[in-house]
Amino acid sequence: VRFSTETLSGLEFQDSLGHIFNLTASQQYHVYQTIYWLNSDRFYWVSFDPVNVAEGLFAIANIFSFSRICFLLPAIQHLGPLQISLGRMMSDIGKFIIIFLIIFSGFMFGLNNLFWYYSKTVRGRVEIVEHNPGGTELPAETFFGTMGGTFKTVFWSLFGLSEKDGVSLGNYDNRFTELIGYLIYGTFNIASVIVLLNMLIAMMSKSYETIEEHADVEWKFAR
C-alpha cells in the first residue's frame, strides 16, 4: 500500500492517468492495480475478490483441520466407543435427511409460489399505482418474496427464529392468500419441528442404545 501511495503521487503516474487509453495493456493493468490496492475499504470490493475468496476457503479449512482430531479419538478409552457409536448412527441420520429435504423443499417452493408476486421487482413491473407508498413494511415481501428469503425464513423457523407474521400482506386486502400462507407456514412448523425433529431424536436414541451395547467390543477391535 505504501509503494502504491508513492507511485500514485509520482509525476510519471499522473501523466499516465491523463493518457491511459494510449497505454499498453500491461501499463493499464499496472495503473488499475496501483489504484485498487490503495482502497482497503471492502465496501467497494467485488464480491469474489481474491481476498474474500481466500478468507472464505480458509474458514472452511479451519473446520476440516480441527475435524482431523477425530482420528485420534479411537485411542482414548472414554471417547473411542462414543465416536464409533456416532459413526454407526450416520446411516439413520442420512435416511432422515432424505425425507426431511423432500418435505422442506415442498413447503419452501409452495410458500415462494404463493408470495412471489409481492417482491418489489415483480410489483414494480405490473402496478399502475404504487400500493405500498413510503416503503411501509410488507412482511411477505421480506420473508417469502424471493427464493433466498424463503429459504432463510423456512430454515431458521426450525430453530424457533421465525416471524409468525411473516405472511402478512400489509395494505393489500388479500385475506385469502394470507390465510393460505398461515396454514402452510403453520403446517410446516408442526410437521418439521414437532413431528420430524422429535422423530429424529427418538430414532437416534433407539439406535444409540442398540449400538452402545456392542460399542466397547467394536472399539477394542478398531484399535
Protein backbone atom coordinates (compact mmCIF):
# COMPACT_ATOMS: atom_id res chain seq x y z
CA VAL A 1 0.00 0.00 0.00
CA ARG A 2 2.86 2.36 0.83
CA PHE A 3 4.51 1.62 -2.52
CA SER A 4 1.20 2.27 -4.33
CA THR A 5 0.82 5.58 -2.49
CA GLU A 6 4.29 6.68 -3.56
CA THR A 7 3.58 5.58 -7.12
CA LEU A 8 0.29 7.49 -7.20
CA SER A 9 1.99 10.74 -6.16
CA GLY A 10 4.67 10.48 -8.85
CA LEU A 11 4.53 12.75 -11.90
CA GLU A 12 5.01 9.85 -14.29
CA PHE A 13 1.94 8.07 -12.91
CA GLN A 14 -0.14 11.27 -13.07
CA ASP A 15 0.84 11.67 -16.71
CA SER A 16 -0.17 8.04 -17.38
CA LEU A 17 -3.63 8.70 -16.00
CA GLY A 18 -4.09 11.56 -18.44
CA HIS A 19 -3.22 9.31 -21.41
CA ILE A 20 -4.49 5.98 -20.10
CA PHE A 21 -6.15 4.97 -23.38
CA ASN A 22 -2.82 5.30 -25.17
CA LEU A 23 -1.07 2.89 -22.81
CA THR A 24 -0.42 -0.77 -23.47
CA ALA A 25 -2.49 -3.44 -21.77
CA SER A 26 0.23 -4.18 -19.23
CA GLN A 27 0.61 -0.48 -18.38
CA GLN A 28 -3.17 -0.10 -17.93
CA TYR A 29 -3.18 -3.14 -15.65
CA HIS A 30 -0.40 -1.57 -13.58
CA VAL A 31 -2.49 1.61 -13.17
CA TYR A 32 -5.50 -0.46 -12.13
CA GLN A 33 -3.51 -2.45 -9.58
CA THR A 34 -1.99 0.70 -8.09
CA ILE A 35 -5.39 2.33 -7.51
CA TYR A 36 -7.15 -0.89 -6.43
CA TRP A 37 -4.78 -1.77 -3.62
CA LEU A 38 -4.98 1.74 -2.22
CA ASN A 39 -8.63 1.10 -1.44
CA SER A 40 -8.80 -1.02 1.72
CA ASP A 41 -12.50 -0.28 2.26
CA ARG A 42 -14.18 -3.59 1.44
CA PHE A 43 -17.47 -1.86 0.70
CA TYR A 44 -16.06 -1.11 -2.76
CA TRP A 45 -14.54 -4.54 -3.37
CA VAL A 46 -16.12 -7.01 -5.79
CA SER A 47 -17.87 -9.95 -4.17
CA PHE A 48 -15.39 -12.53 -5.49
CA ASP A 49 -12.28 -10.52 -4.67
CA PRO A 50 -9.34 -12.92 -4.14
CA VAL A 51 -9.02 -11.80 -0.52
CA ASN A 52 -12.70 -12.54 0.17
CA VAL A 53 -12.46 -15.93 -1.54
CA ALA A 54 -9.23 -16.80 0.28
CA GLU A 55 -10.72 -15.91 3.67
CA GLY A 56 -13.84 -17.95 2.96
CA LEU A 57 -11.84 -21.02 1.93
CA PHE A 58 -9.52 -20.58 4.91
CA ALA A 59 -12.53 -20.52 7.26
CA ILE A 60 -13.73 -23.83 5.78
CA ALA A 61 -10.21 -25.25 6.01
CA ASN A 62 -10.13 -24.41 9.73
CA ILE A 63 -13.19 -26.60 10.28
CA PHE A 64 -11.64 -29.55 8.43
CA SER A 65 -8.32 -29.06 10.22
CA PHE A 66 -9.90 -29.36 13.64
CA SER A 67 -12.04 -32.28 12.42
CA ARG A 68 -8.88 -34.29 11.85
CA ILE A 69 -8.52 -34.50 15.62
CA CYS A 70 -11.29 -37.11 15.47
CA PHE A 71 -8.79 -39.59 14.01
CA LEU A 72 -7.04 -39.59 17.39
CA LEU A 73 -10.17 -40.32 19.43
CA PRO A 74 -10.21 -44.13 18.93
CA ALA A 75 -7.04 -44.29 21.04
CA ILE A 76 -8.88 -42.81 24.04
CA GLN A 77 -10.88 -45.24 26.14
CA HIS A 78 -13.71 -42.88 27.07
CA LEU A 79 -14.11 -41.21 23.67
CA GLY A 80 -13.39 -44.09 21.30
CA PRO A 81 -16.66 -46.03 21.88
CA LEU A 82 -18.65 -42.80 21.62
CA GLN A 83 -17.14 -41.98 18.24
CA ILE A 84 -17.89 -45.48 16.96
CA SER A 85 -21.49 -45.17 18.13
CA LEU A 86 -21.91 -41.83 16.36
CA GLY A 87 -20.40 -43.26 13.18
CA ARG A 88 -22.88 -46.16 13.17
CA MET A 89 -25.76 -43.70 13.62
CA MET A 90 -24.89 -41.73 10.47
CA SER A 91 -26.88 -44.14 8.28
CA ASP A 92 -30.04 -43.42 10.27
CA ILE A 93 -29.36 -39.67 10.06
CA GLY A 94 -28.87 -39.94 6.29
CA LYS A 95 -32.25 -41.66 5.84
CA PHE A 96 -33.94 -38.97 7.90
CA ILE A 97 -32.28 -36.16 5.93
CA ILE A 98 -33.66 -37.53 2.65
CA ILE A 99 -37.23 -37.49 4.00
CA PHE A 100 -36.70 -34.10 5.61
CA LEU A 101 -35.32 -32.50 2.43
CA ILE A 102 -38.36 -33.63 0.45
CA ILE A 103 -40.76 -32.06 2.96
CA PHE A 104 -38.59 -28.96 3.41
CA SER A 105 -38.36 -28.34 -0.35
CA GLY A 106 -42.08 -28.83 -0.84
CA PHE A 107 -43.07 -26.21 1.75
CA MET A 108 -40.32 -23.82 0.64
CA PHE A 109 -41.40 -23.83 -3.02
CA GLY A 110 -45.07 -23.69 -2.00
CA LEU A 111 -44.61 -20.56 0.11
CA ASN A 112 -42.47 -18.87 -2.52
CA ASN A 113 -45.02 -19.60 -5.28
CA LEU A 114 -47.74 -18.15 -3.07
CA PHE A 115 -45.98 -14.83 -2.41
CA TRP A 116 -43.72 -14.40 -5.47
CA TYR A 117 -45.89 -11.55 -6.79
CA TYR A 118 -45.23 -9.36 -3.74
CA SER A 119 -41.49 -8.98 -4.32
CA LYS A 120 -40.57 -5.40 -5.17
CA THR A 121 -39.22 -6.22 -8.64
CA VAL A 122 -42.40 -8.00 -9.74
CA ARG A 123 -44.77 -5.39 -8.32
CA GLY A 124 -42.74 -2.60 -9.90
CA ARG A 125 -43.38 -4.03 -13.37
CA VAL A 126 -47.14 -4.52 -13.11
CA GLU A 127 -48.57 -1.98 -10.64
CA ILE A 128 -50.27 1.00 -12.25
CA VAL A 129 -50.24 2.90 -8.95
CA GLU A 130 -47.91 2.12 -6.07
CA HIS A 131 -49.95 0.33 -3.41
CA ASN A 132 -47.25 0.34 -0.77
CA PRO A 133 -46.34 4.05 -0.55
CA GLY A 134 -43.50 5.30 1.55
CA GLY A 135 -41.89 1.87 1.68
CA THR A 136 -44.16 0.69 4.50
CA GLU A 137 -43.41 -2.74 5.83
CA LEU A 138 -44.59 -5.67 3.74
CA PRO A 139 -43.52 -8.80 5.65
CA ALA A 140 -44.50 -11.23 2.88
CA GLU A 141 -42.06 -9.48 0.55
CA THR A 142 -39.21 -9.65 3.06
CA PHE A 143 -39.69 -13.25 4.19
CA PHE A 144 -41.16 -15.02 1.15
CA GLY A 145 -40.84 -12.66 -1.84
CA THR A 146 -37.67 -14.30 -3.15
CA MET A 147 -36.39 -17.86 -3.12
CA GLY A 148 -33.41 -16.85 -0.98
CA GLY A 149 -35.61 -15.09 1.55
CA THR A 150 -37.99 -18.04 1.66
CA PHE A 151 -35.15 -20.47 2.27
CA LYS A 152 -33.77 -18.42 5.15
CA THR A 153 -37.20 -17.98 6.74
CA VAL A 154 -38.14 -21.66 6.48
CA PHE A 155 -34.69 -22.84 7.61
CA TRP A 156 -34.46 -20.62 10.70
CA SER A 157 -38.01 -21.50 11.68
CA LEU A 158 -36.64 -24.95 12.56
CA PHE A 159 -34.80 -23.30 15.44
CA GLY A 160 -37.67 -21.10 16.60
CA LEU A 161 -36.25 -17.96 14.99
CA SER A 162 -39.07 -17.37 12.52
CA GLU A 163 -41.50 -14.45 12.32
CA LYS A 164 -45.07 -15.60 12.92
CA ASP A 165 -46.49 -12.62 10.97
CA GLY A 166 -44.15 -13.17 8.02
CA VAL A 167 -47.08 -13.87 5.68
CA SER A 168 -48.78 -10.52 6.34
CA LEU A 169 -49.53 -8.51 3.17
CA GLY A 170 -49.77 -5.08 4.79
CA ASN A 171 -52.00 -2.75 2.75
CA TYR A 172 -53.04 -5.50 0.34
CA ASP A 173 -56.55 -6.67 1.15
CA ASN A 174 -55.88 -10.26 0.09
CA ARG A 175 -57.07 -12.18 3.12
CA PHE A 176 -57.37 -15.48 1.25
CA THR A 177 -53.66 -15.53 0.33
CA GLU A 178 -52.75 -14.59 3.90
CA LEU A 179 -54.95 -17.39 5.24
CA ILE A 180 -53.37 -19.97 2.93
CA GLY A 181 -49.94 -18.63 3.90
CA TYR A 182 -50.67 -19.02 7.61
CA LEU A 183 -51.98 -22.56 7.05
CA ILE A 184 -48.94 -23.66 5.01
CA TYR A 185 -46.44 -21.98 7.33
CA GLY A 186 -48.14 -23.37 10.44
CA THR A 187 -48.36 -26.85 8.94
CA PHE A 188 -44.65 -26.76 8.15
CA ASN A 189 -43.76 -25.86 11.73
CA ILE A 190 -45.97 -28.66 13.05
CA ALA A 191 -44.68 -31.24 10.56
CA SER A 192 -40.99 -30.36 10.81
CA VAL A 193 -40.39 -29.05 14.31
CA ILE A 194 -42.91 -31.07 16.32
CA VAL A 195 -43.09 -34.29 14.31
CA LEU A 196 -39.90 -34.78 12.27
CA LEU A 197 -37.34 -33.40 14.71
CA ASN A 198 -38.83 -35.33 17.61
CA MET A 199 -38.93 -38.44 15.42
CA LEU A 200 -35.22 -37.93 14.68
CA ILE A 201 -34.45 -37.65 18.39
CA ALA A 202 -36.40 -40.83 19.15
CA MET A 203 -34.80 -42.71 16.26
CA MET A 204 -31.29 -41.65 17.27
CA SER A 205 -31.94 -42.59 20.90
CA LYS A 206 -33.08 -46.08 19.92
CA SER A 207 -30.15 -46.54 17.53
CA TYR A 208 -27.68 -45.32 20.13
CA GLU A 209 -28.95 -47.75 22.75
CA THR A 210 -28.69 -50.64 20.28
CA ILE A 211 -25.20 -49.70 19.12
CA GLU A 212 -23.91 -48.85 22.60
CA GLU A 213 -24.31 -52.46 23.70
CA HIS A 214 -21.55 -53.55 21.30
CA ALA A 215 -19.59 -50.29 21.03
CA ASP A 216 -16.95 -51.31 23.57
CA VAL A 217 -16.20 -54.55 21.74
CA GLU A 218 -16.06 -52.81 18.38
CA TRP A 219 -13.79 -50.12 19.83
CA LYS A 220 -11.30 -52.73 21.04
CA PHE A 221 -11.17 -54.30 17.58
CA ALA A 222 -10.97 -50.84 15.91
CA ARG A 223 -7.78 -50.06 17.84
